Amino acid sequence: MTKYILVFAVCLLSLYACDNNEDEIESLPLVAINSDALVGEWKLVESKVSSGGQVSWSPVSQSYTIKFLADATFIKNDGNCERGTYRVVAHPEYEAKQMIELTYSCEVDQAIYPDNKSYWGVEALNDRYLVYHPTYKGPICTEGCSYKFKKQ
């Protein structure tokens, strides 16, 4: 009987010892979405893409980094127009929501990035994580998707 209690206790402790990124993100204070909060290098670590069913965070197979600089420029290494400018803007339809507007410095596919711009709807931003979903114009996931970056 003691053996079963010990096994149960170990199993119970292992459940609480698991690293849960969702809890980590939620436990950190969110910061205001502004240029100061964005400055730094961010690495894509996980994605959540729905095909109509239940979704959870999954590690990405191809990561990249984006660096937001204090002069309102960005540099990224995803193989698609790697430089440009950024700014925090209000969503045109939901003024209470803010987005990051990326303006690419080279010509990109206008069907995907109209006016050489893409928009990131910020879901979470703190000193460790930036979570966004594509929004407004450009690539939008029909069933929903989010991307999680970790500050380097």
N, C-alpha and C. Protein backbone atom coordinates (compact mmCIF):
# COMPACT_ATOMS: atom_id res chain seq x y z
N MET A 1 0.83 -1.19 0.00
CA MET A 1 0.00 0.00 0.00
C MET A 1 0.87 1.26 0.00
N THR A 2 1.92 1.25 0.76
CA THR A 2 2.83 2.40 0.81
C THR A 2 3.44 2.66 -0.56
N LYS A 3 3.71 1.56 -1.28
CA LYS A 3 4.28 1.69 -2.62
C LYS A 3 3.32 2.45 -3.55
N TYR A 4 2.02 2.16 -3.47
CA TYR A 4 1.03 2.82 -4.31
C TYR A 4 0.90 4.31 -3.96
N ILE A 5 0.95 4.61 -2.69
CA ILE A 5 0.87 6.00 -2.25
C ILE A 5 2.09 6.77 -2.76
N LEU A 6 3.26 6.16 -2.70
CA LEU A 6 4.48 6.80 -3.18
C LEU A 6 4.41 7.04 -4.69
N VAL A 7 3.94 6.05 -5.45
CA VAL A 7 3.80 6.21 -6.90
C VAL A 7 2.80 7.31 -7.22
N PHE A 8 1.69 7.34 -6.50
CA PHE A 8 0.68 8.38 -6.71
C PHE A 8 1.26 9.76 -6.42
N ALA A 9 2.01 9.88 -5.35
CA ALA A 9 2.61 11.16 -4.97
C ALA A 9 3.61 11.63 -6.03
N VAL A 10 4.42 10.72 -6.56
CA VAL A 10 5.38 11.07 -7.60
C VAL A 10 4.65 11.53 -8.86
N CYS A 11 3.59 10.83 -9.25
CA CYS A 11 2.81 11.22 -10.43
C CYS A 11 2.19 12.61 -10.24
N LEU A 12 1.65 12.85 -9.07
CA LEU A 12 1.03 14.13 -8.78
C LEU A 12 2.05 15.26 -8.83
N LEU A 13 3.21 15.04 -8.26
CA LEU A 13 4.27 16.05 -8.29
C LEU A 13 4.75 16.30 -9.71
N SER A 14 4.84 15.27 -10.51
CA SER A 14 5.31 15.45 -11.88
C SER A 14 4.34 16.30 -12.70
N LEU A 15 3.04 16.21 -12.41
CA LEU A 15 2.07 17.05 -13.10
C LEU A 15 2.28 18.52 -12.77
N TYR A 16 2.59 18.83 -11.53
CA TYR A 16 2.81 20.22 -11.14
C TYR A 16 4.18 20.73 -11.58
N ALA A 17 5.11 19.84 -11.83
CA ALA A 17 6.46 20.25 -12.21
C ALA A 17 6.60 20.55 -13.69
N CYS A 18 5.60 20.20 -14.49
CA CYS A 18 5.69 20.42 -15.93
C CYS A 18 5.79 21.90 -16.23
N ASP A 19 6.59 22.23 -17.24
CA ASP A 19 6.74 23.61 -17.69
C ASP A 19 5.56 23.95 -18.58
N ASN A 20 4.78 24.92 -18.18
CA ASN A 20 3.60 25.31 -18.95
C ASN A 20 3.77 26.74 -19.42
N ASN A 21 4.06 26.93 -20.71
CA ASN A 21 4.29 28.27 -21.26
C ASN A 21 3.06 29.15 -21.16
N GLU A 22 1.86 28.56 -21.30
CA GLU A 22 0.65 29.36 -21.19
C GLU A 22 0.59 30.04 -19.83
N ASP A 23 0.84 29.27 -18.76
CA ASP A 23 0.83 29.84 -17.42
C ASP A 23 1.92 30.89 -17.28
N GLU A 24 3.09 30.62 -17.87
CA GLU A 24 4.20 31.57 -17.78
C GLU A 24 3.83 32.89 -18.45
N ILE A 25 3.22 32.82 -19.60
CA ILE A 25 2.83 34.05 -20.29
C ILE A 25 1.77 34.78 -19.50
N GLU A 26 0.76 34.06 -19.01
CA GLU A 26 -0.32 34.70 -18.29
C GLU A 26 0.12 35.26 -16.95
N SER A 27 1.16 34.67 -16.34
CA SER A 27 1.58 35.14 -15.03
C SER A 27 2.46 36.38 -15.12
N LEU A 28 3.01 36.65 -16.30
CA LEU A 28 3.84 37.84 -16.46
C LEU A 28 2.95 39.04 -16.75
N PRO A 29 3.30 40.20 -16.21
CA PRO A 29 2.46 41.37 -16.48
C PRO A 29 2.57 41.78 -17.94
N LEU A 30 1.43 42.10 -18.54
CA LEU A 30 1.44 42.61 -19.91
C LEU A 30 1.87 44.07 -19.87
N VAL A 31 2.52 44.50 -20.91
CA VAL A 31 2.97 45.89 -20.98
C VAL A 31 2.21 46.59 -22.09
N ALA A 32 2.23 47.90 -22.06
CA ALA A 32 1.59 48.67 -23.11
C ALA A 32 2.30 48.40 -24.43
N ILE A 33 1.54 48.32 -25.49
CA ILE A 33 2.12 48.07 -26.80
C ILE A 33 2.66 49.40 -27.32
N ASN A 34 3.96 49.55 -27.25
CA ASN A 34 4.60 50.74 -27.78
C ASN A 34 5.99 50.36 -28.27
N SER A 35 6.64 51.28 -28.93
CA SER A 35 7.95 51.00 -29.51
C SER A 35 8.97 50.58 -28.46
N ASP A 36 8.93 51.19 -27.28
CA ASP A 36 9.90 50.84 -26.23
C ASP A 36 9.77 49.38 -25.82
N ALA A 37 8.55 48.90 -25.73
CA ALA A 37 8.33 47.51 -25.32
C ALA A 37 8.77 46.52 -26.40
N LEU A 38 8.71 46.94 -27.65
CA LEU A 38 9.07 46.05 -28.76
C LEU A 38 10.57 45.96 -29.01
N VAL A 39 11.31 47.00 -28.65
CA VAL A 39 12.74 47.05 -28.99
C VAL A 39 13.46 45.83 -28.45
N GLY A 40 14.21 45.18 -29.33
CA GLY A 40 14.97 44.00 -28.97
C GLY A 40 14.85 42.94 -30.05
N GLU A 41 15.50 41.83 -29.80
CA GLU A 41 15.47 40.71 -30.76
C GLU A 41 14.52 39.64 -30.25
N TRP A 42 13.65 39.17 -31.13
CA TRP A 42 12.61 38.19 -30.81
C TRP A 42 12.75 36.99 -31.74
N LYS A 43 12.69 35.79 -31.17
CA LYS A 43 12.81 34.56 -31.95
C LYS A 43 11.49 33.81 -31.95
N LEU A 44 11.03 33.41 -33.15
CA LEU A 44 9.81 32.62 -33.28
C LEU A 44 10.07 31.24 -32.69
N VAL A 45 9.26 30.85 -31.69
CA VAL A 45 9.48 29.56 -31.03
C VAL A 45 8.30 28.60 -31.17
N GLU A 46 7.07 29.12 -31.27
CA GLU A 46 5.91 28.25 -31.36
C GLU A 46 4.83 28.89 -32.23
N SER A 47 3.95 28.04 -32.73
CA SER A 47 2.80 28.53 -33.49
C SER A 47 1.57 27.74 -33.09
N LYS A 48 0.42 28.36 -33.33
CA LYS A 48 -0.86 27.72 -33.05
C LYS A 48 -1.74 27.99 -34.27
N VAL A 49 -1.97 26.96 -35.08
CA VAL A 49 -2.73 27.12 -36.32
C VAL A 49 -3.90 26.15 -36.29
N SER A 50 -5.09 26.67 -36.53
CA SER A 50 -6.29 25.84 -36.48
C SER A 50 -6.72 25.43 -37.88
N SER A 51 -7.11 24.18 -37.99
CA SER A 51 -7.73 23.71 -39.23
C SER A 51 -9.19 23.36 -38.95
N GLY A 52 -9.73 24.01 -37.94
CA GLY A 52 -11.14 23.82 -37.62
C GLY A 52 -11.38 23.09 -36.31
N GLY A 53 -10.36 22.46 -35.75
CA GLY A 53 -10.53 21.73 -34.51
C GLY A 53 -9.80 22.39 -33.36
N GLN A 54 -9.61 21.63 -32.31
CA GLN A 54 -8.89 22.09 -31.13
C GLN A 54 -7.43 22.35 -31.49
N VAL A 55 -6.84 23.41 -30.95
CA VAL A 55 -5.45 23.73 -31.26
C VAL A 55 -4.65 23.94 -29.98
N SER A 56 -3.36 23.73 -30.10
CA SER A 56 -2.46 24.02 -28.98
C SER A 56 -1.14 24.49 -29.57
N TRP A 57 -0.30 25.05 -28.74
CA TRP A 57 1.00 25.54 -29.19
C TRP A 57 1.88 24.38 -29.61
N SER A 58 2.58 24.55 -30.73
CA SER A 58 3.52 23.54 -31.23
C SER A 58 4.84 24.23 -31.57
N PRO A 59 5.96 23.56 -31.31
CA PRO A 59 7.25 24.13 -31.71
C PRO A 59 7.29 24.31 -33.22
N VAL A 60 7.95 25.37 -33.68
CA VAL A 60 8.03 25.62 -35.11
C VAL A 60 9.18 24.82 -35.71
N SER A 61 9.01 24.38 -36.96
CA SER A 61 10.08 23.63 -37.62
C SER A 61 11.08 24.57 -38.27
N GLN A 62 10.65 25.76 -38.66
CA GLN A 62 11.55 26.76 -39.24
C GLN A 62 11.36 28.07 -38.48
N SER A 63 12.35 28.40 -37.69
CA SER A 63 12.28 29.61 -36.88
C SER A 63 12.97 30.76 -37.60
N TYR A 64 12.68 31.95 -37.16
CA TYR A 64 13.41 33.14 -37.61
C TYR A 64 13.39 34.16 -36.49
N THR A 65 14.21 35.19 -36.63
CA THR A 65 14.21 36.26 -35.64
C THR A 65 13.81 37.57 -36.31
N ILE A 66 13.24 38.44 -35.49
CA ILE A 66 12.97 39.81 -35.92
C ILE A 66 13.53 40.71 -34.84
N LYS A 67 14.22 41.72 -35.27
CA LYS A 67 14.81 42.68 -34.34
C LYS A 67 14.15 44.03 -34.57
N PHE A 68 13.47 44.52 -33.52
CA PHE A 68 12.89 45.85 -33.56
C PHE A 68 13.91 46.81 -32.97
N LEU A 69 14.32 47.79 -33.76
CA LEU A 69 15.34 48.75 -33.31
C LEU A 69 14.68 50.02 -32.80
N ALA A 70 15.41 50.76 -31.98
CA ALA A 70 14.88 51.98 -31.35
C ALA A 70 14.54 53.07 -32.36
N ASP A 71 15.15 53.01 -33.56
CA ASP A 71 14.87 54.03 -34.58
C ASP A 71 13.64 53.68 -35.43
N ALA A 72 12.80 52.76 -34.97
CA ALA A 72 11.55 52.34 -35.63
C ALA A 72 11.81 51.56 -36.92
N THR A 73 12.96 50.91 -37.02
CA THR A 73 13.22 50.01 -38.14
C THR A 73 13.26 48.59 -37.61
N PHE A 74 13.10 47.62 -38.53
CA PHE A 74 13.21 46.22 -38.13
C PHE A 74 14.10 45.49 -39.11
N ILE A 75 14.68 44.40 -38.61
CA ILE A 75 15.48 43.48 -39.42
C ILE A 75 14.99 42.09 -39.07
N LYS A 76 14.68 41.29 -40.09
CA LYS A 76 14.27 39.91 -39.82
C LYS A 76 14.97 38.99 -40.81
N ASN A 77 15.00 37.72 -40.49
CA ASN A 77 15.73 36.77 -41.34
C ASN A 77 14.86 35.59 -41.74
N ASP A 78 13.69 35.89 -42.31
CA ASP A 78 12.79 34.81 -42.74
C ASP A 78 12.83 34.59 -44.24
N GLY A 79 13.76 35.26 -44.94
CA GLY A 79 13.90 35.06 -46.38
C GLY A 79 12.96 35.90 -47.23
N ASN A 80 12.16 36.75 -46.60
CA ASN A 80 11.20 37.58 -47.32
C ASN A 80 11.45 39.03 -46.93
N CYS A 81 11.92 39.85 -47.84
CA CYS A 81 12.17 41.27 -47.59
C CYS A 81 12.50 41.53 -46.12
N GLU A 82 13.74 41.55 -45.79
CA GLU A 82 14.19 41.47 -44.41
C GLU A 82 14.35 42.78 -43.67
N ARG A 83 14.01 43.89 -44.29
CA ARG A 83 14.16 45.19 -43.62
C ARG A 83 12.93 46.06 -43.86
N GLY A 84 12.78 47.03 -42.95
CA GLY A 84 11.69 47.98 -43.11
C GLY A 84 11.51 48.81 -41.87
N THR A 85 10.35 49.43 -41.76
CA THR A 85 10.02 50.24 -40.59
C THR A 85 8.80 49.65 -39.90
N TYR A 86 8.61 50.03 -38.65
CA TYR A 86 7.43 49.57 -37.91
C TYR A 86 6.87 50.73 -37.10
N ARG A 87 5.59 50.59 -36.77
CA ARG A 87 4.97 51.54 -35.86
C ARG A 87 3.75 50.88 -35.23
N VAL A 88 3.36 51.37 -34.09
CA VAL A 88 2.17 50.87 -33.40
C VAL A 88 1.00 51.75 -33.84
N VAL A 89 -0.07 51.10 -34.33
CA VAL A 89 -1.23 51.83 -34.85
C VAL A 89 -2.50 51.24 -34.25
N ALA A 90 -3.55 52.03 -34.25
CA ALA A 90 -4.86 51.55 -33.81
C ALA A 90 -5.48 50.73 -34.94
N HIS A 91 -6.18 49.69 -34.59
CA HIS A 91 -6.91 48.90 -35.59
C HIS A 91 -7.99 49.80 -36.18
N PRO A 92 -8.12 49.83 -37.52
CA PRO A 92 -9.10 50.74 -38.13
C PRO A 92 -10.55 50.43 -37.80
N GLU A 93 -10.85 49.20 -37.43
CA GLU A 93 -12.22 48.83 -37.12
C GLU A 93 -12.48 48.72 -35.62
N TYR A 94 -11.44 48.50 -34.83
CA TYR A 94 -11.57 48.35 -33.37
C TYR A 94 -10.53 49.25 -32.72
N GLU A 95 -10.87 50.50 -32.51
CA GLU A 95 -9.89 51.49 -32.06
C GLU A 95 -9.21 51.11 -30.74
N ALA A 96 -9.87 50.33 -29.91
CA ALA A 96 -9.27 49.96 -28.63
C ALA A 96 -8.12 48.96 -28.81
N LYS A 97 -8.07 48.31 -29.97
CA LYS A 97 -7.02 47.34 -30.23
C LYS A 97 -5.87 48.00 -30.99
N GLN A 98 -4.66 47.61 -30.62
CA GLN A 98 -3.49 48.14 -31.32
C GLN A 98 -2.82 47.04 -32.12
N MET A 99 -2.16 47.46 -33.18
CA MET A 99 -1.46 46.53 -34.06
C MET A 99 -0.05 47.06 -34.30
N ILE A 100 0.82 46.16 -34.73
CA ILE A 100 2.13 46.57 -35.21
C ILE A 100 2.04 46.58 -36.73
N GLU A 101 2.34 47.72 -37.32
CA GLU A 101 2.34 47.84 -38.77
C GLU A 101 3.78 47.73 -39.25
N LEU A 102 4.05 46.73 -40.09
CA LEU A 102 5.38 46.55 -40.68
C LEU A 102 5.31 47.05 -42.12
N THR A 103 6.21 47.95 -42.49
CA THR A 103 6.31 48.43 -43.86
C THR A 103 7.64 47.96 -44.42
N TYR A 104 7.58 47.12 -45.44
CA TYR A 104 8.78 46.51 -46.00
C TYR A 104 9.49 47.47 -46.94
N SER A 105 10.83 47.46 -46.90
CA SER A 105 11.62 48.40 -47.69
C SER A 105 11.84 47.93 -49.12
N CYS A 106 11.48 46.71 -49.43
CA CYS A 106 11.61 46.23 -50.81
C CYS A 106 10.22 45.78 -51.29
N GLU A 107 10.13 45.52 -52.57
CA GLU A 107 8.85 45.11 -53.15
C GLU A 107 8.51 43.69 -52.71
N VAL A 108 7.31 43.50 -52.21
CA VAL A 108 6.84 42.18 -51.80
C VAL A 108 5.57 41.86 -52.58
N ASP A 109 5.11 40.63 -52.50
CA ASP A 109 3.92 40.19 -53.21
C ASP A 109 2.71 41.01 -52.74
N GLN A 110 2.17 41.84 -53.62
CA GLN A 110 1.08 42.73 -53.27
C GLN A 110 -0.22 41.98 -52.94
N ALA A 111 -0.36 40.76 -53.42
CA ALA A 111 -1.54 39.96 -53.08
C ALA A 111 -1.49 39.55 -51.61
N ILE A 112 -0.29 39.40 -51.07
CA ILE A 112 -0.12 39.01 -49.67
C ILE A 112 0.09 40.22 -48.77
N TYR A 113 0.88 41.17 -49.24
CA TYR A 113 1.21 42.36 -48.45
C TYR A 113 0.84 43.63 -49.22
N PRO A 114 -0.44 44.01 -49.23
CA PRO A 114 -0.83 45.22 -49.96
C PRO A 114 -0.06 46.43 -49.46
N ASP A 115 0.36 47.27 -50.36
CA ASP A 115 1.11 48.49 -50.03
C ASP A 115 2.41 48.19 -49.28
N ASN A 116 2.97 46.99 -49.48
CA ASN A 116 4.21 46.57 -48.81
C ASN A 116 4.08 46.57 -47.29
N LYS A 117 2.89 46.26 -46.78
CA LYS A 117 2.66 46.30 -45.33
C LYS A 117 2.05 44.99 -44.85
N SER A 118 2.34 44.69 -43.58
CA SER A 118 1.62 43.62 -42.89
C SER A 118 1.28 44.13 -41.50
N TYR A 119 0.28 43.52 -40.90
CA TYR A 119 -0.22 43.98 -39.61
C TYR A 119 -0.25 42.81 -38.63
N TRP A 120 0.30 43.04 -37.45
CA TRP A 120 0.31 42.04 -36.40
C TRP A 120 -0.63 42.49 -35.29
N GLY A 121 -1.68 41.71 -35.04
CA GLY A 121 -2.56 41.95 -33.90
C GLY A 121 -1.91 41.35 -32.67
N VAL A 122 -1.53 42.17 -31.72
CA VAL A 122 -0.79 41.70 -30.55
C VAL A 122 -1.75 41.12 -29.52
N GLU A 123 -1.52 39.84 -29.15
CA GLU A 123 -2.32 39.17 -28.14
C GLU A 123 -1.68 39.29 -26.77
N ALA A 124 -0.34 39.24 -26.72
CA ALA A 124 0.38 39.33 -25.45
C ALA A 124 1.75 39.94 -25.72
N LEU A 125 2.18 40.78 -24.80
CA LEU A 125 3.51 41.37 -24.89
C LEU A 125 3.98 41.63 -23.48
N ASN A 126 5.12 41.06 -23.14
CA ASN A 126 5.75 41.34 -21.86
C ASN A 126 7.26 41.26 -22.06
N ASP A 127 8.01 41.20 -20.99
CA ASP A 127 9.46 41.24 -21.15
C ASP A 127 10.05 39.93 -21.65
N ARG A 128 9.25 38.89 -21.83
CA ARG A 128 9.74 37.60 -22.34
C ARG A 128 9.09 37.14 -23.62
N TYR A 129 7.82 37.46 -23.83
CA TYR A 129 7.09 36.93 -24.98
C TYR A 129 6.33 38.01 -25.73
N LEU A 130 6.25 37.79 -27.04
CA LEU A 130 5.40 38.56 -27.94
C LEU A 130 4.55 37.55 -28.69
N VAL A 131 3.24 37.64 -28.56
CA VAL A 131 2.33 36.73 -29.25
C VAL A 131 1.44 37.58 -30.16
N TYR A 132 1.37 37.20 -31.44
CA TYR A 132 0.56 37.97 -32.37
C TYR A 132 -0.19 37.05 -33.32
N HIS A 133 -1.18 37.62 -33.98
CA HIS A 133 -1.88 36.96 -35.08
C HIS A 133 -1.95 37.93 -36.25
N PRO A 134 -1.85 37.43 -37.49
CA PRO A 134 -1.99 38.32 -38.64
C PRO A 134 -3.39 38.92 -38.64
N THR A 135 -3.49 40.20 -38.98
CA THR A 135 -4.78 40.86 -38.90
C THR A 135 -4.94 41.94 -39.97
N TYR A 136 -6.12 42.36 -40.16
CA TYR A 136 -6.54 43.46 -41.01
C TYR A 136 -6.24 43.22 -42.48
N LYS A 137 -5.05 43.53 -42.96
CA LYS A 137 -4.68 43.31 -44.36
C LYS A 137 -3.56 42.29 -44.41
N GLY A 138 -3.38 41.68 -45.55
CA GLY A 138 -2.29 40.73 -45.69
C GLY A 138 -2.74 39.33 -45.31
N PRO A 139 -1.76 38.46 -44.99
CA PRO A 139 -2.12 37.06 -44.71
C PRO A 139 -2.94 36.95 -43.44
N ILE A 140 -4.11 36.39 -43.57
CA ILE A 140 -4.99 36.17 -42.42
C ILE A 140 -5.38 34.70 -42.42
N CYS A 141 -5.31 34.07 -41.29
CA CYS A 141 -5.68 32.65 -41.18
C CYS A 141 -7.19 32.55 -41.04
N THR A 142 -7.82 31.82 -41.92
CA THR A 142 -9.27 31.68 -41.93
C THR A 142 -9.77 31.08 -40.62
N GLU A 143 -9.12 30.03 -40.15
CA GLU A 143 -9.55 29.34 -38.94
C GLU A 143 -8.84 29.86 -37.69
N GLY A 144 -7.94 30.79 -37.84
CA GLY A 144 -7.23 31.36 -36.70
C GLY A 144 -5.82 30.82 -36.55
N CYS A 145 -4.91 31.69 -36.22
CA CYS A 145 -3.53 31.29 -35.98
C CYS A 145 -2.85 32.35 -35.11
N SER A 146 -1.84 31.93 -34.39
CA SER A 146 -1.05 32.83 -33.55
C SER A 146 0.40 32.37 -33.60
N TYR A 147 1.29 33.33 -33.37
CA TYR A 147 2.72 33.04 -33.38
C TYR A 147 3.36 33.60 -32.13
N LYS A 148 4.21 32.79 -31.49
CA LYS A 148 4.83 33.17 -30.24
C LYS A 148 6.33 33.39 -30.43
N PHE A 149 6.80 34.57 -30.07
CA PHE A 149 8.21 34.92 -30.11
C PHE A 149 8.74 35.05 -28.69
N LYS A 150 9.97 34.63 -28.50
CA LYS A 150 10.62 34.75 -27.20
C LYS A 150 11.74 35.77 -27.33
N LYS A 151 11.83 36.67 -26.35
CA LYS A 151 12.86 37.70 -26.38
C LYS A 151 14.21 37.05 -26.14
N GLN A 152 15.19 37.44 -26.95
CA GLN A 152 16.54 36.87 -26.87
C GLN A 152 17.42 37.70 -25.94
